Protein backbone atom coordinates (compact mmCIF):
# COMPACT_ATOMS: atom_id res chain seq x y z
CA MET A 1 -6.52 -9.42 12.87
CA SER A 2 -7.98 -5.94 12.86
CA VAL A 3 -7.85 -3.02 15.35
CA SER A 4 -11.46 -2.76 16.65
CA ALA A 5 -13.84 -3.04 19.68
CA GLU A 6 -13.70 -6.87 18.92
CA ASN A 7 -10.10 -6.80 19.95
CA PRO A 8 -9.87 -4.13 22.70
CA TRP A 9 -6.43 -5.25 23.71
CA THR A 10 -5.04 -3.63 20.44
CA TYR A 11 -5.90 -0.21 21.88
CA LEU A 12 -3.84 -1.10 24.88
CA VAL A 13 -0.92 -1.85 22.56
CA PHE A 14 -1.41 1.33 20.74
CA GLY A 15 -1.38 3.31 24.22
CA LEU A 16 1.71 1.42 25.25
CA ILE A 17 3.48 2.15 22.16
CA GLY A 18 2.59 5.79 22.25
CA PHE A 19 3.83 5.94 25.97
CA ALA A 20 7.16 4.41 25.10
CA PHE A 21 7.42 6.99 22.13
CA GLY A 22 6.80 9.91 24.40
CA PHE A 23 9.21 8.55 27.12
CA THR A 24 11.88 8.10 24.64
CA LEU A 25 11.41 11.60 23.08
CA GLU A 26 11.76 13.27 26.49
CA MET A 27 14.63 10.96 27.55
CA SER A 28 16.42 11.96 24.38
CA GLY A 29 15.96 15.62 25.33
CA PHE A 30 13.60 16.34 22.66
CA GLY A 31 11.41 18.42 24.95
CA ASP A 32 13.95 21.02 25.09
CA SER A 33 13.72 23.35 21.97
CA ARG A 34 17.28 24.58 22.67
CA LYS A 35 18.76 21.10 22.12
CA LEU A 36 16.38 20.62 18.89
CA ALA A 37 17.65 23.98 17.42
CA ALA A 38 21.30 23.27 18.20
CA GLN A 39 21.44 20.79 15.33
CA PHE A 40 21.18 23.48 12.86
CA TYR A 41 24.31 25.12 14.31
CA PHE A 42 26.18 21.71 14.23
CA THR A 43 26.63 21.69 18.02
CA GLU A 44 24.32 19.10 19.06
CA MET A 45 23.21 16.31 16.44
CA THR A 46 21.26 14.21 18.79
CA VAL A 47 18.10 14.79 16.84
CA LEU A 48 19.45 13.61 13.65
CA LYS A 49 21.12 10.46 15.30
CA VAL A 50 17.97 9.42 17.22
CA MET A 51 15.59 9.99 14.24
CA PHE A 52 17.80 8.13 11.67
CA THR A 53 18.46 5.53 14.14
CA ALA A 54 14.82 4.84 14.70
CA ILE A 55 14.25 4.91 10.76
CA VAL A 56 16.96 2.45 9.82
CA THR A 57 16.15 0.05 12.75
CA ALA A 58 12.44 0.10 11.80
CA MET A 59 13.56 -0.57 8.08
CA VAL A 60 15.89 -3.43 8.69
CA LEU A 61 13.27 -5.05 11.13
CA LEU A 62 10.39 -4.64 8.64
CA PHE A 63 12.27 -5.93 5.50
CA GLY A 64 13.97 -8.61 7.73
CA ALA A 65 10.52 -9.76 8.48
CA VAL A 66 9.60 -9.50 4.77
CA SER A 67 12.81 -11.49 3.68
CA LEU A 68 11.71 -14.33 6.37
CA GLY A 69 8.39 -14.49 4.85
CA LEU A 70 6.79 -13.30 8.18
CA LEU A 71 5.24 -10.25 6.48
CA ASN A 72 3.95 -9.20 3.10
CA PHE A 73 5.28 -5.79 2.45
CA ASN A 74 2.24 -5.03 0.13
CA LEU A 75 0.02 -5.29 3.39
CA VAL A 76 1.94 -2.25 4.82
CA TRP A 77 0.29 1.18 4.04
CA VAL A 78 2.93 3.31 2.09
CA ASN A 79 1.94 7.01 1.85
CA GLU A 80 1.43 7.95 -1.76
CA THR A 81 4.04 10.39 -3.27
CA TYR A 82 3.32 13.97 -3.91
CA LEU A 83 6.49 15.44 -4.79
CA ALA A 84 5.92 19.09 -5.50
CA SER A 85 3.51 19.58 -2.60
CA GLY A 86 5.89 17.44 -0.47
CA ILE A 87 8.74 19.53 -1.20
CA LEU A 88 6.81 22.86 -0.50
CA GLY A 89 5.41 21.28 3.03
CA GLY A 90 8.84 20.12 3.88
CA LEU A 91 10.24 23.62 3.32
CA ILE A 92 7.50 25.08 5.42
CA MET A 93 7.89 22.52 8.25
CA GLY A 94 11.79 23.04 8.16
CA VAL A 95 11.36 26.82 8.64
CA GLY A 96 9.08 26.28 11.51
CA PHE A 97 11.41 23.78 13.09
CA ILE A 98 14.31 26.06 12.91
CA VAL A 99 12.17 29.23 14.13
CA GLY A 100 10.08 27.52 16.81
CA GLY A 101 12.70 24.75 17.78
CA PHE A 102 10.03 21.96 17.69
CA CYS A 103 8.37 19.47 15.11
CA PRO A 104 4.68 18.78 15.88
CA THR A 105 5.56 15.69 17.91
CA THR A 106 8.24 17.09 20.05
CA SER A 107 6.03 20.06 20.75
CA LEU A 108 3.63 17.80 22.42
CA ALA A 109 6.36 16.01 24.55
CA SER A 110 7.58 19.64 25.70
CA ALA A 111 3.96 20.77 26.35
CA SER A 112 3.31 17.51 28.43
CA THR A 113 6.23 18.52 30.76
CA GLY A 114 4.98 22.16 31.30
CA LYS A 115 7.29 24.06 28.91
CA ILE A 116 5.64 27.20 27.84
CA ASP A 117 7.20 27.50 24.40
CA GLY A 118 6.02 23.66 23.71
CA MET A 119 2.50 24.73 24.76
CA PHE A 120 2.51 27.77 22.28
CA PHE A 121 4.02 25.79 19.40
CA MET A 122 1.33 23.07 19.94
CA LEU A 123 -1.44 25.67 19.95
CA GLY A 124 0.00 27.21 16.83
CA GLY A 125 0.05 23.89 15.22
CA PHE A 126 -3.57 23.33 16.02
CA PHE A 127 -4.53 26.80 14.62
CA GLY A 128 -2.45 26.10 11.46
CA ALA A 129 -4.39 22.72 10.97
CA LEU A 130 -7.68 24.53 11.37
CA LEU A 131 -6.57 27.30 8.77
CA PHE A 132 -5.41 24.61 6.20
CA GLY A 133 -8.70 22.92 6.65
CA GLU A 134 -10.70 26.21 5.98
CA THR A 135 -8.55 27.26 3.06
CA GLU A 136 -7.66 23.73 1.51
CA LYS A 137 -10.33 24.13 -1.11
CA TYR A 138 -8.55 26.88 -2.84
CA PHE A 139 -5.33 24.78 -3.69
CA ASP A 140 -6.70 21.21 -3.29
CA TYR A 141 -6.19 20.37 -6.85
CA TRP A 142 -2.60 21.58 -6.92
CA TYR A 143 -1.47 19.70 -3.84
CA THR A 144 -3.13 16.44 -4.79
CA HIS A 145 -1.83 16.50 -8.25
CA ALA A 146 1.44 18.20 -8.49
CA GLY A 147 4.29 15.64 -8.80
CA TYR A 148 1.86 12.61 -7.90
CA PHE A 149 3.67 9.43 -8.37
CA GLY A 150 1.19 7.09 -6.31
CA ARG A 151 2.57 4.35 -4.12
CA LEU A 152 6.32 4.65 -4.69
CA THR A 153 9.31 3.18 -2.94
CA LEU A 154 13.06 3.69 -3.44
CA ASP A 155 13.62 0.21 -5.20
CA GLN A 156 11.06 1.18 -7.71
CA VAL A 157 12.80 4.50 -8.24
CA PHE A 158 16.35 3.03 -8.64
CA GLY A 159 15.39 -0.33 -10.08
CA LEU A 160 17.33 -2.04 -7.44
CA PRO A 161 16.33 -5.28 -5.10
CA VAL A 162 14.89 -4.18 -1.95
CA GLY A 163 17.77 -5.66 0.02
CA VAL A 164 20.20 -3.65 -1.69
CA VAL A 165 18.29 -0.66 -1.11
CA VAL A 166 18.23 -1.40 2.75
CA LEU A 167 21.91 -1.93 2.73
CA LEU A 168 22.62 1.24 1.09
CA VAL A 169 20.23 3.25 3.32
CA VAL A 170 22.03 1.76 6.39
CA PHE A 171 25.47 2.61 5.26
CA MET A 172 24.30 5.99 4.36
CA ALA A 173 22.97 6.40 7.82
CA LEU A 174 26.07 5.09 9.29
CA PHE A 175 28.15 7.64 7.42
CA MET A 176 25.74 10.43 8.53
CA PHE A 177 26.29 9.36 12.21
CA TRP A 178 29.92 9.47 11.70
CA GLY A 179 29.73 12.88 10.02
CA ALA A 180 27.51 14.21 12.63
CA GLU A 181 29.92 13.37 15.56
CA GLN A 182 32.65 15.18 13.49
CA LEU A 183 30.60 18.09 13.30
CA GLU A 184 29.98 18.15 17.04
CA ARG A 185 33.60 17.81 17.50
CA ILE A 186 34.32 20.64 15.35
CA PHE A 187 31.49 23.19 16.21
CA GLY A 188 30.38 21.87 19.50
CA LYS A 189 33.99 21.10 21.01
CA LYS A 190 32.60 17.53 22.14
CA ASP A 191 34.95 15.04 23.32
CA LEU A 192 34.26 12.04 21.39
CA THR A 193 36.36 9.80 23.55
CA LYS A 194 33.58 10.20 26.15
CA GLU A 195 31.05 8.66 23.93
CA PRO A 196 29.80 5.23 24.87
CA LYS A 197 31.46 2.41 22.98
CA LEU A 198 28.24 0.66 22.83
CA ARG A 199 27.16 2.81 19.90
CA LEU A 200 29.88 1.08 17.83
CA ALA A 201 28.55 -2.21 18.64
CA GLY A 202 25.13 -1.08 17.53
CA ALA A 203 26.34 0.23 14.31
CA GLY A 204 28.11 -3.02 13.63
CA LEU A 205 24.93 -5.00 14.58
CA LEU A 206 22.88 -2.81 12.19
CA ALA A 207 25.13 -3.40 9.39
CA VAL A 208 25.27 -7.19 9.89
CA ALA A 209 21.53 -7.15 9.90
CA ALA A 210 21.25 -5.10 6.84
CA ILE A 211 23.66 -7.25 4.88
CA SER A 212 21.66 -10.32 6.01
CA VAL A 213 18.41 -8.65 4.57
CA ALA A 214 20.25 -8.01 1.33
CA LEU A 215 21.77 -11.62 1.13
CA ILE A 216 18.28 -13.35 1.85
CA GLY A 217 16.45 -11.22 -0.57
CA THR A 218 12.51 -11.00 -0.66
CA PRO A 219 10.16 -13.68 -1.32
CA SER A 220 9.05 -14.26 -4.97
CA THR A 221 5.28 -13.99 -5.86
CA ASN A 222 5.01 -17.74 -6.09
CA ALA A 223 6.45 -17.97 -2.46
CA LYS A 224 3.95 -15.24 -1.31
CA TYR A 225 1.17 -17.28 -3.02
CA ASP A 226 2.01 -20.49 -1.22
CA ARG A 227 1.64 -18.64 2.08
CA LEU A 228 -1.68 -17.25 1.51
CA THR A 229 -4.70 -17.92 3.52
CA PHE A 230 -8.28 -16.67 3.17
CA GLU A 231 -11.03 -16.46 5.67
CA ARG A 232 -14.64 -17.13 4.48
CA GLU A 233 -17.81 -17.37 6.53
CA VAL A 234 -19.55 -20.70 5.99
CA ASP A 235 -22.86 -21.32 7.75
CA GLY A 236 -21.98 -18.52 10.31
CA GLN A 237 -18.56 -20.01 10.84
CA LYS A 238 -15.14 -18.47 9.84
CA VAL A 239 -13.15 -21.08 7.90
CA GLN A 240 -9.59 -20.81 6.67
CA TYR A 241 -8.66 -21.76 3.09
CA THR A 242 -5.36 -21.96 1.17
CA ALA A 243 -5.38 -20.12 -2.22
CA ASP A 244 -5.40 -23.34 -4.25
CA GLU A 245 -8.32 -24.50 -2.04
CA MET A 246 -10.19 -21.12 -2.91
CA LEU A 247 -9.68 -22.00 -6.67
CA ALA A 248 -10.38 -25.84 -6.40
CA GLU A 249 -13.66 -25.28 -4.35
CA ARG A 250 -14.51 -22.32 -6.76
CA LYS A 251 -15.05 -19.79 -4.14
CA VAL A 252 -13.76 -16.92 -6.19
CA GLN A 253 -15.14 -17.70 -9.59
CA ILE A 254 -18.23 -15.57 -9.85
CA HIS A 255 -21.13 -16.07 -12.19
CA PRO A 256 -21.71 -13.31 -14.96
CA GLY A 257 -24.96 -12.70 -13.20
CA GLU A 258 -23.14 -11.75 -10.01
CA LEU A 259 -20.70 -9.36 -11.88
CA LEU A 260 -23.68 -7.76 -13.45
CA ALA A 261 -25.29 -7.13 -10.00
CA THR A 262 -22.16 -5.99 -8.63
CA MET A 263 -21.74 -3.42 -11.48
CA ALA A 264 -25.25 -2.16 -10.87
CA ASP A 265 -25.00 -1.92 -7.23
CA ASP A 266 -24.27 1.61 -6.01
CA ARG A 267 -22.90 0.30 -2.81
CA LEU A 268 -20.07 -1.25 -4.59
CA ILE A 269 -17.37 -0.39 -7.04
CA ALA A 270 -16.61 -3.02 -9.71
CA SER A 271 -13.33 -2.88 -11.61
CA VAL A 272 -13.11 -5.34 -14.29
CA ILE A 273 -9.61 -6.22 -15.49
CA ASP A 274 -9.33 -7.79 -18.82
CA VAL A 275 -6.08 -9.72 -19.11
CA ARG A 276 -6.44 -10.85 -22.88
CA SER A 277 -4.60 -9.68 -25.73
CA GLU A 278 -5.38 -6.09 -27.10
CA ALA A 279 -6.65 -7.81 -30.21
CA ASP A 280 -9.33 -10.08 -28.48
CA TYR A 281 -10.05 -6.95 -26.21
CA ASN A 282 -10.67 -4.78 -29.28
CA LEU A 283 -13.04 -7.33 -30.69
CA PHE A 284 -15.29 -7.48 -27.74
CA HIS A 285 -15.02 -6.63 -24.06
CA ILE A 286 -17.35 -5.76 -21.12
CA ALA A 287 -18.27 -2.22 -20.69
CA ASN A 288 -15.81 -0.13 -18.50
CA SER A 289 -13.33 -2.95 -18.42
CA VAL A 290 -9.66 -2.15 -18.49
CA ASN A 291 -7.23 -4.13 -20.71
CA VAL A 292 -4.06 -5.23 -18.95
CA PRO A 293 -2.46 -8.26 -20.66
CA LEU A 294 -1.54 -10.99 -18.41
CA THR A 295 2.29 -10.28 -19.02
CA GLU A 296 1.82 -6.76 -17.71
CA ILE A 297 -0.52 -7.65 -14.71
CA LYS A 298 2.21 -6.75 -12.23
CA THR A 299 2.43 -3.38 -13.29
CA VAL A 300 -1.09 -2.44 -11.99
CA VAL A 301 -0.29 -3.81 -8.38
CA PRO A 302 0.87 -0.39 -7.14
CA SER A 303 -2.19 1.38 -8.08
CA LEU A 304 -4.54 -1.31 -6.63
CA LEU A 305 -2.59 -1.05 -3.44
CA ALA A 306 -3.05 2.66 -3.34
CA ASP A 307 -6.64 2.37 -4.00
CA GLN A 308 -8.13 1.34 -0.58
CA ALA A 309 -11.88 1.84 -1.31
CA ALA A 310 -13.31 -0.62 1.09
CA ASN A 311 -16.33 -1.42 -1.26
CA LYS A 312 -14.04 -2.04 -4.33
CA VAL A 313 -14.16 -5.49 -5.94
CA TYR A 314 -11.74 -6.53 -8.75
CA VAL A 315 -12.74 -9.15 -11.31
CA VAL A 316 -10.09 -10.44 -13.73
CA VAL A 317 -11.44 -11.57 -17.13
CA SER A 318 -10.02 -13.84 -19.77
CA ASN A 319 -11.63 -15.77 -22.55
CA ASP A 320 -12.29 -18.71 -20.35
CA GLU A 321 -10.53 -18.77 -17.01
CA VAL A 322 -6.92 -19.93 -17.57
CA ALA A 323 -5.23 -16.40 -18.04
CA ALA A 324 -7.68 -14.92 -15.41
CA THR A 325 -6.62 -17.58 -12.93
CA GLU A 326 -3.14 -16.88 -13.41
CA ALA A 327 -3.72 -13.08 -12.97
CA TRP A 328 -5.71 -13.84 -9.70
CA LYS A 329 -2.60 -15.70 -8.42
CA ILE A 330 -0.41 -12.81 -9.03
CA LEU A 331 -2.75 -10.27 -7.83
CA VAL A 332 -3.66 -12.01 -4.52
CA ALA A 333 -0.18 -13.02 -3.77
CA GLU A 334 0.76 -9.35 -4.04
CA ALA A 335 -2.13 -8.51 -1.49
CA ALA A 336 -4.44 -6.82 -3.84
CA PRO A 337 -7.91 -6.94 -1.90
CA ASN A 338 -11.20 -8.40 -3.05
CA VAL A 339 -10.02 -10.15 -6.49
CA TYR A 340 -12.34 -12.49 -8.10
CA ILE A 341 -12.44 -14.37 -11.40
CA LEU A 342 -15.29 -14.13 -14.00
CA GLU A 343 -16.56 -17.74 -14.17
CA GLY A 344 -16.01 -19.05 -17.70
CA GLY A 345 -14.63 -15.73 -18.88
CA VAL A 346 -15.92 -13.66 -21.83
CA ASN A 347 -17.18 -16.81 -23.47
CA ASN A 348 -19.57 -17.49 -20.77
CA TRP A 349 -20.44 -13.86 -20.54
CA ILE A 350 -21.56 -13.79 -24.10
CA ALA A 351 -23.39 -17.23 -23.70
CA VAL A 352 -25.39 -15.75 -20.89
CA PHE A 353 -26.17 -12.26 -22.16
CA GLY A 354 -25.52 -12.32 -26.10
CA LYS A 355 -26.18 -15.77 -27.44
CA SER A 356 -28.90 -14.45 -29.66
CA GLU A 357 -27.43 -11.16 -30.40
CA GLU A 358 -26.83 -10.31 -34.29
CA GLY A 359 -23.34 -9.91 -35.48
CA ILE A 360 -22.08 -12.58 -32.91
CA ARG A 361 -21.88 -16.28 -33.78
CA LEU A 362 -20.63 -19.40 -32.09
CA LEU A 363 -17.69 -21.28 -33.37
CA THR A 364 -16.55 -24.80 -32.82
CA VAL A 365 -13.35 -24.35 -30.89
CA SER A 366 -11.54 -26.90 -28.85
CA SER A 367 -8.48 -24.80 -27.64
CA ALA A 368 -8.49 -23.53 -24.19
CA ASP A 369 -8.75 -19.79 -23.36
CA VAL A 370 -9.49 -18.66 -26.93
CA LEU A 371 -12.68 -16.81 -28.11
CA ARG A 372 -15.42 -19.14 -29.14
CA TYR A 373 -17.38 -16.38 -30.92
CA ALA A 374 -16.87 -14.80 -34.13
CA PHE A 375 -17.76 -11.14 -34.69
CA ASN A 376 -18.80 -9.17 -37.63
CA SER A 377 -16.90 -6.11 -36.57
CA ALA A 378 -14.54 -5.22 -33.89
CA LEU A 379 -16.89 -3.10 -31.80
CA GLY A 380 -15.40 -3.71 -28.33
CA ASP A 381 -18.02 -2.67 -25.90
CA ARG A 382 -20.64 -1.57 -28.34
CA TYR A 383 -22.24 -4.80 -28.53
CA GLU A 384 -25.48 -4.87 -26.64
CA CYS A 385 -24.36 -7.76 -24.49
CA ALA A 386 -21.22 -6.05 -23.53
CA ASN A 387 -23.40 -3.56 -21.32
CA PRO A 388 -26.59 -5.54 -20.57
CA SER A 389 -29.27 -3.94 -18.52
CA PRO A 390 -29.36 -5.16 -15.00
CA LEU A 391 -33.18 -4.29 -15.09
CA ALA A 392 -33.94 -7.04 -17.86
CA GLU A 393 -35.58 -10.31 -16.62
CA TRP A 394 -32.66 -12.39 -17.07
CA GLU A 395 -33.09 -16.13 -16.16
CA LEU A 396 -30.09 -16.45 -13.80
CA ASP A 397 -29.46 -18.86 -11.11
CA PHE A 398 -26.07 -18.28 -9.11
CA THR A 399 -24.92 -18.37 -5.43
CA PRO A 400 -23.25 -15.01 -4.52
CA LYS A 401 -19.62 -15.42 -3.61
CA ILE A 402 -18.25 -11.92 -3.09
CA GLN A 403 -17.37 -11.29 0.68
CA LEU A 404 -15.55 -8.00 1.02
CA GLN A 405 -12.51 -7.92 3.05
CA LEU A 406 -10.21 -4.98 3.92
CA LYS A 407 -6.79 -6.27 4.52
CA ARG A 408 -5.25 -3.10 5.61
CA ASP A 409 -6.10 0.52 5.95
CA LYS A 410 -4.55 3.74 5.65
CA SER A 411 -2.26 4.76 8.50
CA GLY A 412 -0.32 7.79 9.69
CA GLY A 413 3.66 7.96 10.16
CA GLY A 414 6.57 10.03 10.62
CA CYS A 415 7.38 12.43 13.17
CA GLY A 416 4.65 14.82 12.68
């Protein structure tokens, strides 16, 4: 279900969430710059405790839903990592936080309650955003390329299971909460005996939830695949299909003619992923296709998830359909959008566009998913049929099957 005018109640949900967020900020005292700045003097650590509580709570709930199979994490937008520009931006924001006493969102909370310092900080933020927009062209290349790692998460960085990362982050946060209270006791002379005991119960509950996430683990690719459903429009009606039904009813196997038309359509971006061996790929491949052997197909998932062009279509190709079908199952299970299979694979492509081309001859082969053609030379995409002209009068009869679907979109996040 998408957020759109067709579902107006979703805007109401956003409004209620925003109201709750603002209410919580003000209730926590985040509209007072003195309270915010006090954390840098270790006398009042409410900001750290509230923010980290929100982060770890959201993390445990999110990955708890993932562990139970209620949510596919690959459908959640993860901001791409730009390490160098991120570090510089963090330093700038940190200095601004110390000097001004606010972060962008807390300044809005402060301004909404009539605090003058919050109003000026907010106006300064608007002016800074305007200035950035006007000067961005001078350093755009640097900040979009320096330290770019794409869609990167901690489990990938450390090579640990997601549940273990969740557990470690929660324990780190609990240690930080304890340390923050000790700093308040030492520098702020706070009497910890007067702190509510309920916080200890909350910490225990959070630890138990994190341990549960680690023990349950995350669903396998096969488990994700079994839960998949697709929506297709048939005779004006929206119909739900399982992944196996999509394959059985051949709703994702597209004719070579449709792939050629898609490659020639300026409104679409066709990305052909050739999952054959490097040797077969070097012999012959469709122009502009990328070779990713089936055994390595999972490695491209993060880049596919980071690329959210709504008009992009991925077509997996093998010699026939066997390997391409396996690749399709993996990609759709990992939530890659708009993935299709080339009907009949490279063998069918050559049969349609290059059956009379010199240097290519048909072989008598009975094995599945092997090249049924011999080539005089390993020319790759330099054969004429590797890049057929879409303007030629091909006698093609096929039913178009590509229906673009955007499973998720970019979204903001964080305090600012």
